[in-house]
Amino acid sequence: IHVAFEHKTYRSAGDSLQEEIIPGFKDSTLWSHIIMANGSQVVTTANRVYLLDSRGNKSLLPVSTNIYSKTFFDATTPNTFYLLFPSGIYYWGNNRLNKCSSLSFENRILTGFFVDRDHRAWVAAESKPVMLVNINTGKVDSLTNLPVLVTNFYQDRHGTIWITTFHGLYKCTESFVTHYDESTGLLHEDIRSSGRMRNG
């Protein structure tokens, strides 16, 4: 696991984090850092997205970022990732950057971004319903019965989507949405992320 934080990036090593140095980014503000299966790296800074090949050669992707830009690494498909910008949703595959949605997210404070196994992009923005954008068809749906601030998305091995918020945890299936908060046993409702451990 790699974690980007301001001017540094860290790699998980057992129970601790070890600082890593990305050549050429010593004084850059880092928003995200991804290492793909082929050894290439994707580095998102405060205003640009860079691709580093396995030899360390750096190229600039033709998009601009800002503080609300999001990156999602598609672990099911090697060497691919998605980018969410105010100007739209982009997909990197076959060594090309493609715009896969014409939707604009200008003037939105984007808080979460995720692409599920059905190629639907889940886009969360402050004071807005969660948007579901079908990458293949462009169809847009929304979830209006969620709180205004979503912090993260996670899809488990059964296909269930777990959404963390400042007001508890939401479990989303194709049939219904279940809300978990302090009244159902949570110790706190301010949740920033969720995931599954190896033991289930």
N, C-alpha and C. Protein backbone atom coordinates (compact mmCIF):
# COMPACT_ATOMS: atom_id res chain seq x y z
N ILE A 1 0.85 -1.18 0.00
CA ILE A 1 0.00 0.00 0.00
C ILE A 1 0.89 1.24 0.00
N HIS A 2 0.59 2.18 -0.86
CA HIS A 2 1.33 3.43 -0.93
C HIS A 2 0.39 4.58 -0.55
N VAL A 3 0.90 5.46 0.29
CA VAL A 3 0.11 6.59 0.78
C VAL A 3 0.85 7.87 0.44
N ALA A 4 0.16 8.79 -0.26
CA ALA A 4 0.75 10.09 -0.58
C ALA A 4 0.26 11.12 0.41
N PHE A 5 1.19 11.92 0.92
CA PHE A 5 0.81 12.96 1.87
C PHE A 5 1.71 14.17 1.65
N GLU A 6 1.12 15.25 1.14
CA GLU A 6 1.82 16.49 0.86
C GLU A 6 3.09 16.25 0.05
N HIS A 7 4.29 16.41 0.63
CA HIS A 7 5.53 16.33 -0.14
C HIS A 7 6.18 14.96 -0.08
N LYS A 8 5.52 13.96 0.54
CA LYS A 8 6.14 12.66 0.72
C LYS A 8 5.17 11.54 0.35
N THR A 9 5.71 10.37 0.09
CA THR A 9 4.89 9.19 -0.10
C THR A 9 5.45 8.09 0.79
N TYR A 10 4.56 7.23 1.26
CA TYR A 10 4.95 6.20 2.20
C TYR A 10 4.49 4.84 1.69
N ARG A 11 5.26 3.80 2.03
CA ARG A 11 4.95 2.42 1.65
C ARG A 11 4.77 1.60 2.92
N SER A 12 3.71 0.77 2.94
CA SER A 12 3.48 -0.07 4.11
C SER A 12 4.54 -1.16 4.18
N ALA A 13 5.06 -1.38 5.38
CA ALA A 13 6.06 -2.41 5.62
C ALA A 13 5.71 -3.08 6.95
N GLY A 14 4.92 -4.15 6.87
CA GLY A 14 4.46 -4.79 8.09
C GLY A 14 3.47 -3.91 8.82
N ASP A 15 3.80 -3.54 10.05
CA ASP A 15 2.91 -2.71 10.85
C ASP A 15 3.30 -1.24 10.83
N SER A 16 4.20 -0.86 9.95
CA SER A 16 4.66 0.52 9.92
C SER A 16 4.68 1.05 8.49
N LEU A 17 4.92 2.36 8.37
CA LEU A 17 5.04 3.01 7.08
C LEU A 17 6.48 3.49 6.90
N GLN A 18 7.04 3.22 5.72
CA GLN A 18 8.38 3.68 5.41
C GLN A 18 8.32 4.77 4.35
N GLU A 19 9.05 5.85 4.59
CA GLU A 19 9.06 6.96 3.64
C GLU A 19 9.78 6.57 2.36
N GLU A 20 9.18 6.93 1.23
CA GLU A 20 9.80 6.71 -0.07
C GLU A 20 10.00 8.06 -0.76
N ILE A 21 11.00 8.12 -1.57
CA ILE A 21 11.28 9.34 -2.33
C ILE A 21 11.04 9.06 -3.81
N ILE A 22 10.18 9.85 -4.43
CA ILE A 22 9.93 9.72 -5.86
C ILE A 22 10.83 10.72 -6.57
N PRO A 23 11.78 10.28 -7.38
CA PRO A 23 12.70 11.20 -8.05
C PRO A 23 11.95 12.26 -8.85
N GLY A 24 12.34 13.51 -8.67
CA GLY A 24 11.74 14.60 -9.42
C GLY A 24 10.54 15.24 -8.77
N PHE A 25 10.13 14.75 -7.57
CA PHE A 25 8.93 15.29 -6.92
C PHE A 25 9.22 15.74 -5.49
N LYS A 26 10.46 16.09 -5.21
CA LYS A 26 10.86 16.43 -3.86
C LYS A 26 10.05 17.59 -3.29
N ASP A 27 9.78 18.61 -4.10
CA ASP A 27 9.10 19.80 -3.60
C ASP A 27 7.66 19.91 -4.09
N SER A 28 7.12 18.82 -4.62
CA SER A 28 5.74 18.84 -5.14
C SER A 28 4.75 18.40 -4.05
N THR A 29 3.56 18.99 -4.10
CA THR A 29 2.49 18.55 -3.22
C THR A 29 1.80 17.37 -3.88
N LEU A 30 1.84 16.21 -3.24
CA LEU A 30 1.33 14.97 -3.83
C LEU A 30 -0.08 14.68 -3.34
N TRP A 31 -0.97 14.37 -4.31
CA TRP A 31 -2.33 13.97 -3.96
C TRP A 31 -2.47 12.46 -4.00
N SER A 32 -1.80 11.78 -4.92
CA SER A 32 -1.90 10.32 -4.98
C SER A 32 -0.67 9.74 -5.66
N HIS A 33 -0.42 8.46 -5.39
CA HIS A 33 0.73 7.75 -5.95
C HIS A 33 0.32 6.30 -6.17
N ILE A 34 0.38 5.83 -7.42
CA ILE A 34 -0.01 4.47 -7.78
C ILE A 34 1.15 3.79 -8.48
N ILE A 35 1.42 2.54 -8.11
CA ILE A 35 2.39 1.73 -8.83
C ILE A 35 1.64 0.58 -9.49
N MET A 36 1.72 0.48 -10.82
CA MET A 36 0.98 -0.52 -11.57
C MET A 36 1.81 -1.79 -11.74
N ALA A 37 1.15 -2.84 -12.25
CA ALA A 37 1.79 -4.15 -12.37
C ALA A 37 3.02 -4.13 -13.27
N ASN A 38 3.03 -3.26 -14.27
CA ASN A 38 4.17 -3.21 -15.20
C ASN A 38 5.31 -2.34 -14.69
N GLY A 39 5.20 -1.86 -13.46
CA GLY A 39 6.25 -1.03 -12.88
C GLY A 39 6.08 0.45 -13.11
N SER A 40 5.11 0.85 -13.94
CA SER A 40 4.85 2.27 -14.16
C SER A 40 4.23 2.89 -12.91
N GLN A 41 4.44 4.18 -12.76
CA GLN A 41 3.89 4.89 -11.61
C GLN A 41 3.05 6.06 -12.08
N VAL A 42 1.97 6.32 -11.37
CA VAL A 42 1.12 7.48 -11.64
C VAL A 42 1.20 8.39 -10.43
N VAL A 43 1.61 9.63 -10.65
CA VAL A 43 1.77 10.59 -9.57
C VAL A 43 0.88 11.79 -9.86
N THR A 44 -0.04 12.06 -8.95
CA THR A 44 -0.92 13.22 -9.08
C THR A 44 -0.46 14.29 -8.11
N THR A 45 -0.16 15.48 -8.64
CA THR A 45 0.26 16.60 -7.80
C THR A 45 -0.89 17.60 -7.70
N ALA A 46 -0.59 18.76 -7.14
CA ALA A 46 -1.63 19.76 -6.94
C ALA A 46 -2.22 20.28 -8.25
N ASN A 47 -1.50 20.15 -9.37
CA ASN A 47 -2.05 20.68 -10.61
C ASN A 47 -1.73 19.86 -11.86
N ARG A 48 -1.09 18.70 -11.73
CA ARG A 48 -0.75 17.89 -12.90
C ARG A 48 -0.79 16.40 -12.56
N VAL A 49 -0.87 15.58 -13.62
CA VAL A 49 -0.77 14.12 -13.48
C VAL A 49 0.41 13.65 -14.31
N TYR A 50 1.31 12.91 -13.69
CA TYR A 50 2.51 12.43 -14.36
C TYR A 50 2.51 10.90 -14.42
N LEU A 51 3.07 10.38 -15.50
CA LEU A 51 3.26 8.95 -15.66
C LEU A 51 4.75 8.67 -15.73
N LEU A 52 5.23 7.80 -14.85
CA LEU A 52 6.64 7.41 -14.85
C LEU A 52 6.73 5.96 -15.31
N ASP A 53 7.50 5.69 -16.36
CA ASP A 53 7.64 4.32 -16.80
C ASP A 53 8.59 3.56 -15.88
N SER A 54 8.79 2.28 -16.14
CA SER A 54 9.59 1.44 -15.26
C SER A 54 11.05 1.89 -15.17
N ARG A 55 11.49 2.71 -16.14
CA ARG A 55 12.86 3.23 -16.13
C ARG A 55 12.96 4.59 -15.45
N GLY A 56 11.82 5.13 -15.03
CA GLY A 56 11.83 6.42 -14.37
C GLY A 56 11.63 7.60 -15.28
N ASN A 57 11.40 7.35 -16.60
CA ASN A 57 11.13 8.45 -17.53
C ASN A 57 9.77 9.06 -17.24
N LYS A 58 9.69 10.36 -17.17
CA LYS A 58 8.48 11.05 -16.76
C LYS A 58 7.80 11.71 -17.94
N SER A 59 6.47 11.50 -18.03
CA SER A 59 5.67 12.17 -19.06
C SER A 59 4.45 12.80 -18.40
N LEU A 60 3.97 13.87 -19.00
CA LEU A 60 2.85 14.63 -18.45
C LEU A 60 1.57 14.25 -19.17
N LEU A 61 0.54 13.85 -18.41
CA LEU A 61 -0.75 13.55 -19.03
C LEU A 61 -1.49 14.85 -19.33
N PRO A 62 -2.26 14.89 -20.43
CA PRO A 62 -2.87 16.15 -20.89
C PRO A 62 -4.14 16.54 -20.14
N VAL A 63 -4.05 16.58 -18.81
CA VAL A 63 -5.17 17.01 -17.98
C VAL A 63 -4.61 17.84 -16.83
N SER A 64 -5.44 18.71 -16.31
CA SER A 64 -5.06 19.51 -15.16
C SER A 64 -5.86 19.06 -13.94
N THR A 65 -5.26 19.15 -12.77
CA THR A 65 -5.92 18.73 -11.55
C THR A 65 -6.16 19.92 -10.64
N ASN A 66 -6.92 19.67 -9.59
CA ASN A 66 -7.03 20.65 -8.51
C ASN A 66 -7.23 19.87 -7.21
N ILE A 67 -7.51 20.57 -6.15
CA ILE A 67 -7.57 19.93 -4.84
C ILE A 67 -8.66 18.85 -4.76
N TYR A 68 -9.66 18.92 -5.65
CA TYR A 68 -10.76 17.98 -5.57
C TYR A 68 -10.62 16.80 -6.54
N SER A 69 -9.52 16.69 -7.24
CA SER A 69 -9.31 15.59 -8.18
C SER A 69 -9.14 14.28 -7.42
N LYS A 70 -9.60 13.17 -8.03
CA LYS A 70 -9.53 11.86 -7.40
C LYS A 70 -8.95 10.84 -8.38
N THR A 71 -8.26 9.85 -7.84
CA THR A 71 -7.69 8.76 -8.63
C THR A 71 -8.21 7.44 -8.11
N PHE A 72 -8.57 6.52 -9.02
CA PHE A 72 -8.99 5.19 -8.61
C PHE A 72 -8.22 4.16 -9.42
N PHE A 73 -7.55 3.26 -8.73
CA PHE A 73 -6.77 2.20 -9.36
C PHE A 73 -7.65 0.97 -9.54
N ASP A 74 -7.77 0.49 -10.78
CA ASP A 74 -8.60 -0.67 -11.09
C ASP A 74 -7.78 -1.94 -10.89
N ALA A 75 -7.90 -2.55 -9.70
CA ALA A 75 -7.09 -3.72 -9.37
C ALA A 75 -7.48 -4.95 -10.19
N THR A 76 -8.67 -4.95 -10.80
CA THR A 76 -9.12 -6.11 -11.56
C THR A 76 -8.53 -6.15 -12.97
N THR A 77 -8.06 -5.01 -13.44
CA THR A 77 -7.49 -4.93 -14.78
C THR A 77 -6.09 -4.34 -14.68
N PRO A 78 -5.05 -5.12 -14.98
CA PRO A 78 -3.67 -4.62 -14.81
C PRO A 78 -3.39 -3.35 -15.61
N ASN A 79 -2.62 -2.47 -15.00
CA ASN A 79 -2.08 -1.27 -15.66
C ASN A 79 -3.16 -0.30 -16.14
N THR A 80 -4.23 -0.22 -15.38
CA THR A 80 -5.29 0.73 -15.71
C THR A 80 -5.67 1.54 -14.47
N PHE A 81 -6.20 2.73 -14.69
CA PHE A 81 -6.69 3.53 -13.58
C PHE A 81 -7.70 4.54 -14.10
N TYR A 82 -8.48 5.09 -13.19
CA TYR A 82 -9.46 6.11 -13.51
C TYR A 82 -9.08 7.42 -12.83
N LEU A 83 -9.43 8.52 -13.46
CA LEU A 83 -9.20 9.85 -12.90
C LEU A 83 -10.50 10.63 -12.92
N LEU A 84 -10.79 11.29 -11.82
CA LEU A 84 -11.97 12.14 -11.73
C LEU A 84 -11.51 13.58 -11.56
N PHE A 85 -11.92 14.43 -12.49
CA PHE A 85 -11.60 15.84 -12.43
C PHE A 85 -12.90 16.63 -12.55
N PRO A 86 -12.89 17.90 -12.21
CA PRO A 86 -14.07 18.72 -12.45
C PRO A 86 -14.53 18.68 -13.90
N SER A 87 -13.61 18.42 -14.83
CA SER A 87 -13.96 18.40 -16.26
C SER A 87 -14.54 17.06 -16.70
N GLY A 88 -14.51 16.03 -15.85
CA GLY A 88 -15.09 14.74 -16.25
C GLY A 88 -14.34 13.55 -15.69
N ILE A 89 -14.71 12.36 -16.18
CA ILE A 89 -14.09 11.11 -15.76
C ILE A 89 -13.23 10.58 -16.90
N TYR A 90 -12.00 10.18 -16.56
CA TYR A 90 -11.04 9.69 -17.55
C TYR A 90 -10.58 8.29 -17.18
N TYR A 91 -10.18 7.54 -18.22
CA TYR A 91 -9.72 6.16 -18.03
C TYR A 91 -8.39 5.97 -18.76
N TRP A 92 -7.42 5.38 -18.05
CA TRP A 92 -6.12 5.08 -18.67
C TRP A 92 -6.06 3.59 -18.96
N GLY A 93 -5.90 3.24 -20.23
CA GLY A 93 -5.78 1.85 -20.64
C GLY A 93 -5.11 1.77 -22.00
N ASN A 94 -4.34 0.71 -22.23
CA ASN A 94 -3.60 0.55 -23.50
C ASN A 94 -2.71 1.76 -23.78
N ASN A 95 -2.14 2.31 -22.70
CA ASN A 95 -1.21 3.44 -22.81
C ASN A 95 -1.85 4.69 -23.41
N ARG A 96 -3.15 4.84 -23.17
CA ARG A 96 -3.86 6.02 -23.65
C ARG A 96 -4.78 6.54 -22.57
N LEU A 97 -4.98 7.86 -22.56
CA LEU A 97 -5.93 8.48 -21.66
C LEU A 97 -7.20 8.81 -22.43
N ASN A 98 -8.33 8.25 -21.99
CA ASN A 98 -9.59 8.44 -22.68
C ASN A 98 -10.61 9.08 -21.75
N LYS A 99 -11.37 10.03 -22.28
CA LYS A 99 -12.45 10.62 -21.50
C LYS A 99 -13.67 9.73 -21.65
N CYS A 100 -14.17 9.21 -20.53
CA CYS A 100 -15.26 8.24 -20.62
C CYS A 100 -16.59 8.78 -20.10
N SER A 101 -16.66 10.05 -19.79
CA SER A 101 -17.93 10.66 -19.42
C SER A 101 -17.87 12.14 -19.74
N SER A 102 -18.93 12.64 -20.33
CA SER A 102 -18.99 14.06 -20.69
C SER A 102 -19.57 14.90 -19.56
N LEU A 103 -19.88 14.28 -18.42
CA LEU A 103 -20.43 15.02 -17.30
C LEU A 103 -19.40 16.01 -16.76
N SER A 104 -19.88 17.15 -16.32
CA SER A 104 -19.01 18.14 -15.71
C SER A 104 -19.27 18.18 -14.21
N PHE A 105 -18.20 18.27 -13.44
CA PHE A 105 -18.31 18.37 -12.00
C PHE A 105 -17.75 19.69 -11.49
N GLU A 106 -17.79 20.69 -12.36
CA GLU A 106 -17.32 22.01 -11.98
C GLU A 106 -18.14 22.55 -10.80
N ASN A 107 -17.47 23.31 -9.96
CA ASN A 107 -18.11 23.95 -8.80
C ASN A 107 -18.66 22.94 -7.80
N ARG A 108 -18.11 21.71 -7.81
CA ARG A 108 -18.48 20.72 -6.81
C ARG A 108 -17.27 20.37 -5.96
N ILE A 109 -17.49 20.20 -4.68
CA ILE A 109 -16.43 19.75 -3.78
C ILE A 109 -16.48 18.23 -3.77
N LEU A 110 -15.64 17.60 -4.58
CA LEU A 110 -15.66 16.15 -4.73
C LEU A 110 -15.01 15.50 -3.52
N THR A 111 -15.69 14.52 -2.92
CA THR A 111 -15.20 13.90 -1.69
C THR A 111 -14.90 12.41 -1.84
N GLY A 112 -15.44 11.74 -2.87
CA GLY A 112 -15.20 10.32 -3.02
C GLY A 112 -15.38 9.87 -4.46
N PHE A 113 -14.62 8.83 -4.85
CA PHE A 113 -14.67 8.32 -6.23
C PHE A 113 -14.32 6.85 -6.21
N PHE A 114 -15.12 6.06 -6.94
CA PHE A 114 -14.93 4.62 -6.96
C PHE A 114 -15.55 4.06 -8.23
N VAL A 115 -14.95 3.01 -8.80
CA VAL A 115 -15.52 2.33 -9.97
C VAL A 115 -15.74 0.87 -9.58
N ASP A 116 -16.99 0.40 -9.68
CA ASP A 116 -17.30 -0.96 -9.24
C ASP A 116 -17.08 -1.97 -10.36
N ARG A 117 -17.38 -3.24 -10.08
CA ARG A 117 -17.13 -4.32 -11.03
C ARG A 117 -18.02 -4.25 -12.26
N ASP A 118 -19.12 -3.51 -12.16
CA ASP A 118 -20.03 -3.34 -13.30
C ASP A 118 -19.69 -2.08 -14.10
N HIS A 119 -18.52 -1.53 -13.85
CA HIS A 119 -18.03 -0.33 -14.55
C HIS A 119 -18.95 0.86 -14.34
N ARG A 120 -19.44 1.00 -13.12
CA ARG A 120 -20.19 2.18 -12.72
C ARG A 120 -19.30 3.04 -11.83
N ALA A 121 -19.20 4.32 -12.17
CA ALA A 121 -18.43 5.25 -11.35
C ALA A 121 -19.34 5.85 -10.29
N TRP A 122 -18.92 5.75 -9.04
CA TRP A 122 -19.64 6.34 -7.92
C TRP A 122 -18.94 7.64 -7.57
N VAL A 123 -19.65 8.75 -7.71
CA VAL A 123 -19.06 10.07 -7.50
C VAL A 123 -19.80 10.76 -6.36
N ALA A 124 -19.04 11.13 -5.33
CA ALA A 124 -19.63 11.83 -4.19
C ALA A 124 -19.13 13.26 -4.15
N ALA A 125 -20.04 14.18 -3.88
CA ALA A 125 -19.69 15.59 -3.75
C ALA A 125 -20.46 16.18 -2.58
N GLU A 126 -19.83 17.12 -1.91
CA GLU A 126 -20.48 17.73 -0.76
C GLU A 126 -21.80 18.39 -1.15
N SER A 127 -22.83 18.15 -0.34
CA SER A 127 -24.17 18.73 -0.53
C SER A 127 -24.86 18.27 -1.80
N LYS A 128 -24.41 17.13 -2.38
CA LYS A 128 -25.03 16.58 -3.58
C LYS A 128 -25.30 15.09 -3.38
N PRO A 129 -26.34 14.53 -4.06
CA PRO A 129 -26.54 13.08 -4.00
C PRO A 129 -25.37 12.35 -4.64
N VAL A 130 -25.15 11.10 -4.22
CA VAL A 130 -24.12 10.29 -4.86
C VAL A 130 -24.58 9.96 -6.28
N MET A 131 -23.71 10.19 -7.25
CA MET A 131 -24.03 9.91 -8.65
C MET A 131 -23.42 8.58 -9.06
N LEU A 132 -24.20 7.78 -9.80
CA LEU A 132 -23.72 6.54 -10.39
C LEU A 132 -23.68 6.72 -11.89
N VAL A 133 -22.49 6.66 -12.46
CA VAL A 133 -22.32 6.89 -13.89
C VAL A 133 -21.86 5.59 -14.53
N ASN A 134 -22.66 5.04 -15.45
CA ASN A 134 -22.26 3.85 -16.18
C ASN A 134 -21.21 4.23 -17.21
N ILE A 135 -19.99 3.72 -17.02
CA ILE A 135 -18.88 4.09 -17.89
C ILE A 135 -19.15 3.67 -19.34
N ASN A 136 -19.82 2.54 -19.53
CA ASN A 136 -20.04 2.02 -20.89
C ASN A 136 -21.17 2.71 -21.63
N THR A 137 -22.25 3.06 -20.91
CA THR A 137 -23.44 3.60 -21.58
C THR A 137 -23.65 5.10 -21.33
N GLY A 138 -23.03 5.62 -20.29
CA GLY A 138 -23.24 7.02 -19.96
C GLY A 138 -24.47 7.27 -19.11
N LYS A 139 -25.24 6.22 -18.80
CA LYS A 139 -26.44 6.39 -17.99
C LYS A 139 -26.07 6.88 -16.61
N VAL A 140 -26.89 7.80 -16.06
CA VAL A 140 -26.62 8.39 -14.76
C VAL A 140 -27.80 8.13 -13.83
N ASP A 141 -27.50 7.59 -12.65
CA ASP A 141 -28.48 7.43 -11.58
C ASP A 141 -27.94 8.17 -10.36
N SER A 142 -28.77 8.28 -9.33
CA SER A 142 -28.31 8.94 -8.12
C SER A 142 -28.91 8.27 -6.89
N LEU A 143 -28.17 8.32 -5.79
CA LEU A 143 -28.66 7.85 -4.51
C LEU A 143 -28.94 9.09 -3.66
N THR A 144 -30.21 9.34 -3.40
CA THR A 144 -30.58 10.58 -2.71
C THR A 144 -30.75 10.38 -1.21
N ASN A 145 -30.81 9.12 -0.75
CA ASN A 145 -31.06 8.87 0.67
C ASN A 145 -29.78 8.65 1.46
N LEU A 146 -28.71 9.32 1.05
CA LEU A 146 -27.45 9.25 1.76
C LEU A 146 -27.12 10.63 2.32
N PRO A 147 -26.31 10.68 3.39
CA PRO A 147 -25.92 11.99 3.94
C PRO A 147 -25.07 12.77 2.94
N VAL A 148 -24.89 14.03 3.22
CA VAL A 148 -24.27 14.90 2.23
C VAL A 148 -22.77 14.68 2.08
N LEU A 149 -22.10 14.08 3.07
CA LEU A 149 -20.65 13.96 2.97
C LEU A 149 -20.21 12.50 3.04
N VAL A 150 -19.87 11.96 1.87
CA VAL A 150 -19.34 10.60 1.75
C VAL A 150 -17.82 10.68 1.77
N THR A 151 -17.17 9.77 2.52
CA THR A 151 -15.72 9.81 2.63
C THR A 151 -15.03 8.73 1.81
N ASN A 152 -15.71 7.58 1.58
CA ASN A 152 -15.04 6.50 0.85
C ASN A 152 -16.05 5.46 0.40
N PHE A 153 -15.62 4.65 -0.60
CA PHE A 153 -16.41 3.53 -1.10
C PHE A 153 -15.56 2.26 -1.05
N TYR A 154 -16.22 1.11 -0.87
CA TYR A 154 -15.52 -0.17 -0.91
C TYR A 154 -16.51 -1.23 -1.40
N GLN A 155 -16.05 -2.12 -2.32
CA GLN A 155 -16.89 -3.22 -2.79
C GLN A 155 -16.28 -4.54 -2.31
N ASP A 156 -17.08 -5.35 -1.61
CA ASP A 156 -16.55 -6.61 -1.10
C ASP A 156 -16.66 -7.71 -2.14
N ARG A 157 -16.22 -8.91 -1.80
CA ARG A 157 -16.17 -10.01 -2.76
C ARG A 157 -17.55 -10.49 -3.19
N HIS A 158 -18.59 -10.11 -2.44
CA HIS A 158 -19.95 -10.46 -2.81
C HIS A 158 -20.61 -9.41 -3.70
N GLY A 159 -19.90 -8.32 -3.96
CA GLY A 159 -20.43 -7.26 -4.80
C GLY A 159 -21.13 -6.15 -4.03
N THR A 160 -21.23 -6.28 -2.72
CA THR A 160 -21.88 -5.26 -1.90
C THR A 160 -21.00 -4.02 -1.81
N ILE A 161 -21.61 -2.85 -1.94
CA ILE A 161 -20.90 -1.59 -1.82
C ILE A 161 -21.07 -1.05 -0.40
N TRP A 162 -19.95 -0.74 0.25
CA TRP A 162 -19.96 -0.14 1.57
C TRP A 162 -19.53 1.32 1.44
N ILE A 163 -20.34 2.22 1.96
CA ILE A 163 -20.09 3.64 1.84
C ILE A 163 -19.88 4.23 3.23
N THR A 164 -18.72 4.84 3.44
CA THR A 164 -18.45 5.47 4.73
C THR A 164 -18.77 6.95 4.66
N THR A 165 -19.31 7.47 5.75
CA THR A 165 -19.74 8.87 5.79
C THR A 165 -19.45 9.45 7.17
N PHE A 166 -19.75 10.73 7.32
CA PHE A 166 -19.65 11.37 8.63
C PHE A 166 -20.85 11.02 9.51
N HIS A 167 -21.79 10.27 8.94
CA HIS A 167 -23.00 9.92 9.70
C HIS A 167 -23.24 8.42 9.67
N GLY A 168 -22.17 7.64 9.73
CA GLY A 168 -22.32 6.20 9.81
C GLY A 168 -21.89 5.48 8.54
N LEU A 169 -22.22 4.17 8.52
CA LEU A 169 -21.83 3.28 7.43
C LEU A 169 -23.07 2.82 6.68
N TYR A 170 -22.98 2.81 5.32
CA TYR A 170 -24.10 2.39 4.49
C TYR A 170 -23.71 1.15 3.69
N LYS A 171 -24.61 0.18 3.66
CA LYS A 171 -24.43 -1.06 2.90
C LYS A 171 -25.41 -1.03 1.74
N CYS A 172 -24.88 -1.06 0.51
CA CYS A 172 -25.71 -0.93 -0.68
C CYS A 172 -25.67 -2.21 -1.51
N THR A 173 -26.83 -2.79 -1.75
CA THR A 173 -26.96 -3.89 -2.69
C THR A 173 -27.89 -3.44 -3.81
N GLU A 174 -28.13 -4.32 -4.77
CA GLU A 174 -29.03 -3.96 -5.87
C GLU A 174 -30.46 -3.76 -5.39
N SER A 175 -30.80 -4.31 -4.21
CA SER A 175 -32.19 -4.29 -3.74
C SER A 175 -32.47 -3.21 -2.69
N PHE A 176 -31.50 -2.95 -1.81
CA PHE A 176 -31.80 -2.01 -0.73
C PHE A 176 -30.52 -1.41 -0.16
N VAL A 177 -30.73 -0.37 0.68
CA VAL A 177 -29.64 0.31 1.38
C VAL A 177 -29.88 0.17 2.88
N THR A 178 -28.84 -0.27 3.61
CA THR A 178 -28.93 -0.42 5.06
C THR A 178 -27.98 0.57 5.72
N HIS A 179 -28.47 1.24 6.75
CA HIS A 179 -27.68 2.25 7.45
C HIS A 179 -27.28 1.73 8.83
N TYR A 180 -25.98 1.86 9.15
CA TYR A 180 -25.48 1.51 10.46
C TYR A 180 -24.95 2.76 11.15
N ASP A 181 -25.40 2.99 12.38
CA ASP A 181 -24.93 4.15 13.14
C ASP A 181 -24.81 3.75 14.61
N GLU A 182 -24.71 4.72 15.50
CA GLU A 182 -24.54 4.41 16.92
C GLU A 182 -25.73 3.64 17.48
N SER A 183 -26.91 3.88 16.93
CA SER A 183 -28.09 3.18 17.44
C SER A 183 -28.09 1.69 17.09
N THR A 184 -27.27 1.29 16.09
CA THR A 184 -27.18 -0.12 15.71
C THR A 184 -25.86 -0.76 16.16
N GLY A 185 -25.08 -0.04 16.98
CA GLY A 185 -23.90 -0.65 17.57
C GLY A 185 -22.57 -0.03 17.22
N LEU A 186 -22.52 0.93 16.30
CA LEU A 186 -21.25 1.58 15.99
C LEU A 186 -20.78 2.44 17.17
N LEU A 187 -19.49 2.41 17.42
CA LEU A 187 -18.95 3.24 18.50
C LEU A 187 -18.90 4.71 18.11
N HIS A 188 -18.66 4.96 16.81
CA HIS A 188 -18.62 6.32 16.30
C HIS A 188 -19.26 6.34 14.92
N GLU A 189 -19.80 7.49 14.54
CA GLU A 189 -20.44 7.62 13.24
C GLU A 189 -19.55 8.34 12.22
N ASP A 190 -18.46 8.93 12.66
CA ASP A 190 -17.52 9.62 11.76
C ASP A 190 -16.56 8.57 11.22
N ILE A 191 -16.85 8.03 10.02
CA ILE A 191 -16.08 6.93 9.45
C ILE A 191 -15.42 7.41 8.16
N ARG A 192 -14.13 7.14 8.03
CA ARG A 192 -13.37 7.65 6.88
C ARG A 192 -13.12 6.59 5.81
N SER A 193 -13.07 5.30 6.15
CA SER A 193 -12.82 4.25 5.16
C SER A 193 -13.23 2.90 5.70
N SER A 194 -13.37 1.93 4.81
CA SER A 194 -13.71 0.56 5.20
C SER A 194 -12.98 -0.40 4.27
N GLY A 195 -12.86 -1.65 4.67
CA GLY A 195 -12.19 -2.66 3.85
C GLY A 195 -12.32 -4.03 4.49
N ARG A 196 -11.82 -5.04 3.82
CA ARG A 196 -11.90 -6.41 4.33
C ARG A 196 -10.50 -6.92 4.64
N MET A 197 -10.35 -7.50 5.83
CA MET A 197 -9.06 -8.09 6.21
C MET A 197 -8.96 -9.51 5.67
N ARG A 198 -7.76 -10.07 5.70
CA ARG A 198 -7.54 -11.40 5.14
C ARG A 198 -8.36 -12.48 5.82
N ASN A 199 -8.65 -12.30 7.11
CA ASN A 199 -9.41 -13.32 7.83
C ASN A 199 -10.91 -13.18 7.63
N GLY A 200 -11.30 -12.24 6.72
CA GLY A 200 -12.71 -12.05 6.42
C GLY A 200 -13.39 -10.94 7.19
